[in-house]
Structures are given as C-alpha cells and as structure tokens.
Amino acid sequence: MAAGQTTPVLPSPDLENVSLADVLAALADPTRLDLVLLLAKRRDATAMCSRILETLDLAKQNFSHHAKALHAVGLIEAWYVGRNKYVRLRRDFVDKRFPGLLDGVLKAARR
C-alpha cells in the first residue's frame, strides 16, 4: 500500500436503523464515554489509536472491543493510513440524527 493511502477498518454499519437507545447504550460504558470525550476535545475529532491507547491506558484488545461498539452505532469511524490506525468522532452523523444529544452527553460527562 502506498504511503498516505487510506483503508477503512470496518465496513460502514447500517445507520438507518440506529436508535437513540443503541447510541445511549454504547455511551453508557465509562471507557467508551472516555473515548468519545477524548475525541470531542480534539479540534478535528481525530486521533491515532496508539495515542488513545496511551492516554486512556487501554490494551489493544480492550480498545478494539469498545471501538467496534462505538462504530456499530455510528459514533466513530476508523481507518488505516499505512500501518497507523486512526479514529474520528462522527459528530456530523450524531448531530443530524439526534440533534443536541452529543453536546448534552458531553456537557453532563464533564461535570
């Protein structure tokens, strides 16, 4: 693979069927909420996974489990650039589908 070429980590989930209950259930886990908070604090809502592992003190397998749950409900997307894996908060999707939800959850979580 050429340098700079991107490859999705997981196929896009069927976001038409994501319910509010699904999103709230994903965010109910403290580790997942911490991951979303970390991404939301970043200007572009994107981070390299190795930095997330260090910041949140997670094992790769634990991170993968939580990232899959967040991806399944459309909260994050993940891709590779070369050998580096990146994740991004999908604020655009969440704000369009559930207006104000993410801002409310993030505000409440920061208290």
N, C-alpha and C. Protein backbone atom coordinates (compact mmCIF):
# COMPACT_ATOMS: atom_id res chain seq x y z
N MET A 1 0.84 -1.17 0.00
CA MET A 1 0.00 0.00 0.00
C MET A 1 0.89 1.24 0.00
N ALA A 2 0.56 2.19 -0.82
CA ALA A 2 1.33 3.42 -0.92
C ALA A 2 1.15 4.27 0.32
N ALA A 3 2.19 5.02 0.67
CA ALA A 3 2.13 5.91 1.83
C ALA A 3 1.00 6.91 1.64
N GLY A 4 0.23 7.13 2.69
CA GLY A 4 -0.85 8.10 2.64
C GLY A 4 -2.18 7.53 2.16
N GLN A 5 -2.16 6.30 1.63
CA GLN A 5 -3.40 5.70 1.17
C GLN A 5 -4.21 5.24 2.38
N THR A 6 -5.52 5.46 2.36
CA THR A 6 -6.36 5.10 3.49
C THR A 6 -7.15 3.84 3.20
N THR A 7 -7.37 3.04 4.25
CA THR A 7 -8.14 1.81 4.16
C THR A 7 -9.09 1.76 5.34
N PRO A 8 -10.42 1.62 5.09
CA PRO A 8 -11.35 1.52 6.21
C PRO A 8 -11.06 0.28 7.06
N VAL A 9 -11.28 0.40 8.36
CA VAL A 9 -11.06 -0.72 9.25
C VAL A 9 -12.24 -1.68 9.21
N LEU A 10 -13.44 -1.14 9.29
CA LEU A 10 -14.65 -1.93 9.28
C LEU A 10 -15.60 -1.39 8.22
N PRO A 11 -16.44 -2.23 7.65
CA PRO A 11 -17.44 -1.72 6.71
C PRO A 11 -18.41 -0.80 7.43
N SER A 12 -18.99 0.13 6.70
CA SER A 12 -19.95 1.06 7.29
C SER A 12 -21.18 0.31 7.78
N PRO A 13 -21.60 0.61 9.02
CA PRO A 13 -22.81 -0.04 9.54
C PRO A 13 -24.06 0.54 8.90
N ASP A 14 -25.17 -0.14 9.04
CA ASP A 14 -26.46 0.35 8.55
C ASP A 14 -26.98 1.38 9.55
N LEU A 15 -26.68 2.64 9.29
CA LEU A 15 -27.01 3.70 10.25
C LEU A 15 -28.47 4.11 10.22
N GLU A 16 -29.21 3.66 9.22
CA GLU A 16 -30.64 3.98 9.15
C GLU A 16 -31.40 3.34 10.31
N ASN A 17 -30.89 2.24 10.82
CA ASN A 17 -31.59 1.52 11.88
C ASN A 17 -31.02 1.77 13.27
N VAL A 18 -30.10 2.71 13.41
CA VAL A 18 -29.53 3.02 14.72
C VAL A 18 -30.56 3.82 15.51
N SER A 19 -30.85 3.34 16.70
CA SER A 19 -31.84 4.03 17.55
C SER A 19 -31.14 4.84 18.62
N LEU A 20 -31.88 5.73 19.23
CA LEU A 20 -31.37 6.51 20.35
C LEU A 20 -30.93 5.58 21.47
N ALA A 21 -31.70 4.54 21.72
CA ALA A 21 -31.34 3.57 22.77
C ALA A 21 -30.00 2.91 22.47
N ASP A 22 -29.73 2.60 21.19
CA ASP A 22 -28.45 1.99 20.80
C ASP A 22 -27.29 2.93 21.12
N VAL A 23 -27.44 4.20 20.76
CA VAL A 23 -26.37 5.17 20.99
C VAL A 23 -26.15 5.38 22.48
N LEU A 24 -27.23 5.53 23.24
CA LEU A 24 -27.10 5.73 24.68
C LEU A 24 -26.50 4.50 25.36
N ALA A 25 -26.85 3.32 24.89
CA ALA A 25 -26.26 2.10 25.46
C ALA A 25 -24.75 2.05 25.21
N ALA A 26 -24.33 2.46 24.01
CA ALA A 26 -22.90 2.49 23.71
C ALA A 26 -22.18 3.51 24.59
N LEU A 27 -22.81 4.65 24.82
CA LEU A 27 -22.19 5.70 25.63
C LEU A 27 -22.27 5.43 27.13
N ALA A 28 -23.07 4.45 27.54
CA ALA A 28 -23.22 4.15 28.96
C ALA A 28 -21.97 3.52 29.56
N ASP A 29 -21.14 2.93 28.72
CA ASP A 29 -19.90 2.32 29.20
C ASP A 29 -18.88 3.42 29.47
N PRO A 30 -18.29 3.47 30.67
CA PRO A 30 -17.35 4.55 31.02
C PRO A 30 -16.14 4.64 30.08
N THR A 31 -15.62 3.52 29.62
CA THR A 31 -14.47 3.55 28.72
C THR A 31 -14.87 4.14 27.37
N ARG A 32 -16.02 3.77 26.88
CA ARG A 32 -16.48 4.32 25.60
C ARG A 32 -16.76 5.81 25.72
N LEU A 33 -17.35 6.21 26.83
CA LEU A 33 -17.61 7.63 27.04
C LEU A 33 -16.30 8.40 27.12
N ASP A 34 -15.30 7.84 27.80
CA ASP A 34 -13.98 8.48 27.86
C ASP A 34 -13.37 8.62 26.46
N LEU A 35 -13.54 7.62 25.63
CA LEU A 35 -13.01 7.67 24.27
C LEU A 35 -13.71 8.77 23.47
N VAL A 36 -15.01 8.87 23.59
CA VAL A 36 -15.76 9.91 22.88
C VAL A 36 -15.37 11.30 23.41
N LEU A 37 -15.22 11.42 24.71
CA LEU A 37 -14.78 12.70 25.30
C LEU A 37 -13.41 13.10 24.78
N LEU A 38 -12.49 12.15 24.72
CA LEU A 38 -11.14 12.41 24.23
C LEU A 38 -11.19 12.92 22.79
N LEU A 39 -11.96 12.25 21.95
CA LEU A 39 -12.07 12.67 20.55
C LEU A 39 -12.76 14.02 20.42
N ALA A 40 -13.77 14.26 21.23
CA ALA A 40 -14.51 15.53 21.15
C ALA A 40 -13.64 16.72 21.53
N LYS A 41 -12.65 16.51 22.37
CA LYS A 41 -11.75 17.59 22.78
C LYS A 41 -10.77 17.99 21.70
N ARG A 42 -10.55 17.11 20.75
CA ARG A 42 -9.59 17.39 19.67
C ARG A 42 -10.25 18.25 18.61
N ARG A 43 -9.50 19.19 18.09
CA ARG A 43 -10.02 20.14 17.10
C ARG A 43 -10.68 19.45 15.92
N ASP A 44 -10.06 18.40 15.39
CA ASP A 44 -10.62 17.70 14.24
C ASP A 44 -11.32 16.40 14.62
N ALA A 45 -11.44 16.16 15.94
CA ALA A 45 -12.11 14.96 16.47
C ALA A 45 -11.48 13.66 15.96
N THR A 46 -10.19 13.71 15.62
CA THR A 46 -9.47 12.55 15.08
C THR A 46 -8.24 12.29 15.93
N ALA A 47 -7.92 11.01 16.12
CA ALA A 47 -6.70 10.66 16.86
C ALA A 47 -6.15 9.33 16.35
N MET A 48 -4.83 9.19 16.46
CA MET A 48 -4.18 7.94 16.14
C MET A 48 -4.44 6.98 17.31
N CYS A 49 -4.78 5.76 17.01
CA CYS A 49 -5.15 4.80 18.04
C CYS A 49 -4.05 4.55 19.06
N SER A 50 -2.80 4.55 18.65
CA SER A 50 -1.72 4.32 19.60
C SER A 50 -1.69 5.40 20.67
N ARG A 51 -2.03 6.62 20.31
CA ARG A 51 -2.08 7.71 21.30
C ARG A 51 -3.28 7.55 22.23
N ILE A 52 -4.37 7.06 21.70
CA ILE A 52 -5.55 6.81 22.54
C ILE A 52 -5.23 5.72 23.56
N LEU A 53 -4.56 4.67 23.09
CA LEU A 53 -4.19 3.58 24.00
C LEU A 53 -3.35 4.10 25.16
N GLU A 54 -2.40 4.96 24.86
CA GLU A 54 -1.55 5.54 25.89
C GLU A 54 -2.35 6.45 26.83
N THR A 55 -3.15 7.33 26.25
CA THR A 55 -3.88 8.31 27.04
C THR A 55 -4.90 7.65 27.97
N LEU A 56 -5.63 6.67 27.45
CA LEU A 56 -6.67 6.01 28.25
C LEU A 56 -6.16 4.75 28.96
N ASP A 57 -4.89 4.41 28.76
CA ASP A 57 -4.26 3.23 29.37
C ASP A 57 -5.08 1.97 29.08
N LEU A 58 -5.28 1.72 27.78
CA LEU A 58 -6.05 0.56 27.33
C LEU A 58 -5.16 -0.44 26.61
N ALA A 59 -5.51 -1.70 26.74
CA ALA A 59 -4.88 -2.74 25.92
C ALA A 59 -5.51 -2.69 24.54
N LYS A 60 -4.78 -3.14 23.52
CA LYS A 60 -5.31 -3.11 22.14
C LYS A 60 -6.63 -3.85 22.02
N GLN A 61 -6.72 -5.03 22.65
CA GLN A 61 -7.93 -5.83 22.54
C GLN A 61 -9.11 -5.10 23.19
N ASN A 62 -8.88 -4.47 24.32
CA ASN A 62 -9.93 -3.72 25.01
C ASN A 62 -10.38 -2.55 24.16
N PHE A 63 -9.42 -1.82 23.58
CA PHE A 63 -9.76 -0.71 22.71
C PHE A 63 -10.58 -1.19 21.51
N SER A 64 -10.15 -2.26 20.88
CA SER A 64 -10.86 -2.79 19.71
C SER A 64 -12.31 -3.13 20.04
N HIS A 65 -12.53 -3.73 21.19
CA HIS A 65 -13.88 -4.09 21.63
C HIS A 65 -14.75 -2.83 21.74
N HIS A 66 -14.25 -1.81 22.39
CA HIS A 66 -15.01 -0.59 22.59
C HIS A 66 -15.18 0.19 21.28
N ALA A 67 -14.15 0.21 20.46
CA ALA A 67 -14.24 0.91 19.17
C ALA A 67 -15.29 0.25 18.27
N LYS A 68 -15.37 -1.07 18.27
CA LYS A 68 -16.38 -1.75 17.46
C LYS A 68 -17.79 -1.39 17.92
N ALA A 69 -17.99 -1.30 19.22
CA ALA A 69 -19.32 -0.93 19.74
C ALA A 69 -19.69 0.49 19.34
N LEU A 70 -18.73 1.41 19.41
CA LEU A 70 -19.00 2.80 19.01
C LEU A 70 -19.20 2.91 17.50
N HIS A 71 -18.46 2.14 16.75
CA HIS A 71 -18.58 2.14 15.29
C HIS A 71 -19.94 1.59 14.87
N ALA A 72 -20.41 0.56 15.54
CA ALA A 72 -21.68 -0.09 15.18
C ALA A 72 -22.87 0.85 15.26
N VAL A 73 -22.78 1.86 16.14
CA VAL A 73 -23.89 2.82 16.28
C VAL A 73 -23.59 4.14 15.59
N GLY A 74 -22.49 4.19 14.85
CA GLY A 74 -22.17 5.37 14.05
C GLY A 74 -21.47 6.50 14.77
N LEU A 75 -21.01 6.26 16.00
CA LEU A 75 -20.35 7.32 16.75
C LEU A 75 -18.92 7.60 16.28
N ILE A 76 -18.25 6.57 15.79
CA ILE A 76 -16.89 6.77 15.29
C ILE A 76 -16.71 6.04 13.97
N GLU A 77 -15.68 6.44 13.24
CA GLU A 77 -15.22 5.69 12.08
C GLU A 77 -13.72 5.49 12.26
N ALA A 78 -13.20 4.44 11.66
CA ALA A 78 -11.79 4.12 11.82
C ALA A 78 -11.21 3.74 10.46
N TRP A 79 -9.93 4.06 10.27
CA TRP A 79 -9.25 3.73 9.02
C TRP A 79 -7.76 3.65 9.27
N TYR A 80 -7.09 3.03 8.33
CA TYR A 80 -5.63 2.93 8.35
C TYR A 80 -5.03 3.90 7.34
N VAL A 81 -3.93 4.48 7.73
CA VAL A 81 -3.06 5.21 6.82
C VAL A 81 -1.72 4.51 6.98
N GLY A 82 -1.37 3.72 5.97
CA GLY A 82 -0.18 2.89 6.11
C GLY A 82 -0.42 1.89 7.23
N ARG A 83 0.46 1.90 8.22
CA ARG A 83 0.33 0.97 9.35
C ARG A 83 -0.34 1.61 10.55
N ASN A 84 -0.66 2.90 10.46
CA ASN A 84 -1.27 3.61 11.58
C ASN A 84 -2.79 3.61 11.47
N LYS A 85 -3.44 3.31 12.58
CA LYS A 85 -4.90 3.29 12.63
C LYS A 85 -5.37 4.59 13.29
N TYR A 86 -6.39 5.20 12.70
CA TYR A 86 -6.97 6.44 13.20
C TYR A 86 -8.46 6.24 13.46
N VAL A 87 -8.99 7.01 14.40
CA VAL A 87 -10.43 7.04 14.62
C VAL A 87 -10.89 8.49 14.67
N ARG A 88 -12.16 8.69 14.28
CA ARG A 88 -12.74 10.03 14.27
C ARG A 88 -14.15 9.96 14.82
N LEU A 89 -14.49 10.92 15.64
CA LEU A 89 -15.84 11.07 16.13
C LEU A 89 -16.73 11.52 14.97
N ARG A 90 -17.84 10.85 14.77
CA ARG A 90 -18.75 11.18 13.66
C ARG A 90 -19.82 12.16 14.14
N ARG A 91 -19.37 13.30 14.57
CA ARG A 91 -20.28 14.32 15.10
C ARG A 91 -21.34 14.69 14.07
N ASP A 92 -20.96 14.73 12.81
CA ASP A 92 -21.91 15.09 11.75
C ASP A 92 -23.11 14.15 11.74
N PHE A 93 -22.86 12.86 11.81
CA PHE A 93 -23.94 11.88 11.82
C PHE A 93 -24.79 12.02 13.08
N VAL A 94 -24.15 12.07 14.24
CA VAL A 94 -24.88 12.12 15.50
C VAL A 94 -25.72 13.40 15.59
N ASP A 95 -25.12 14.53 15.22
CA ASP A 95 -25.86 15.79 15.29
C ASP A 95 -27.04 15.83 14.32
N LYS A 96 -26.91 15.20 13.18
CA LYS A 96 -28.01 15.18 12.20
C LYS A 96 -29.12 14.23 12.66
N ARG A 97 -28.72 13.06 13.13
CA ARG A 97 -29.69 12.03 13.52
C ARG A 97 -30.35 12.33 14.87
N PHE A 98 -29.54 12.83 15.83
CA PHE A 98 -30.02 13.09 17.19
C PHE A 98 -29.55 14.48 17.63
N PRO A 99 -30.17 15.54 17.11
CA PRO A 99 -29.71 16.90 17.39
C PRO A 99 -29.60 17.19 18.90
N GLY A 100 -28.44 17.72 19.30
CA GLY A 100 -28.21 18.11 20.68
C GLY A 100 -27.79 16.99 21.61
N LEU A 101 -27.92 15.74 21.17
CA LEU A 101 -27.60 14.61 22.04
C LEU A 101 -26.14 14.61 22.46
N LEU A 102 -25.25 14.68 21.50
CA LEU A 102 -23.83 14.60 21.82
C LEU A 102 -23.38 15.75 22.70
N ASP A 103 -23.84 16.97 22.38
CA ASP A 103 -23.48 18.12 23.22
C ASP A 103 -23.98 17.93 24.64
N GLY A 104 -25.19 17.43 24.82
CA GLY A 104 -25.74 17.20 26.14
C GLY A 104 -24.99 16.14 26.91
N VAL A 105 -24.68 15.06 26.27
CA VAL A 105 -23.94 13.97 26.92
C VAL A 105 -22.54 14.43 27.30
N LEU A 106 -21.87 15.13 26.39
CA LEU A 106 -20.51 15.59 26.68
C LEU A 106 -20.51 16.63 27.81
N LYS A 107 -21.48 17.50 27.83
CA LYS A 107 -21.57 18.51 28.89
C LYS A 107 -21.81 17.84 30.23
N ALA A 108 -22.71 16.88 30.29
CA ALA A 108 -23.01 16.17 31.53
C ALA A 108 -21.81 15.34 32.00
N ALA A 109 -21.08 14.76 31.07
CA ALA A 109 -19.93 13.90 31.42
C ALA A 109 -18.76 14.71 31.96
N ARG A 110 -18.66 15.96 31.59
CA ARG A 110 -17.52 16.78 32.02
C ARG A 110 -17.71 17.35 33.42
N ARG A 111 -18.88 17.20 33.99
CA ARG A 111 -19.13 17.74 35.34
C ARG A 111 -18.41 16.99 36.39
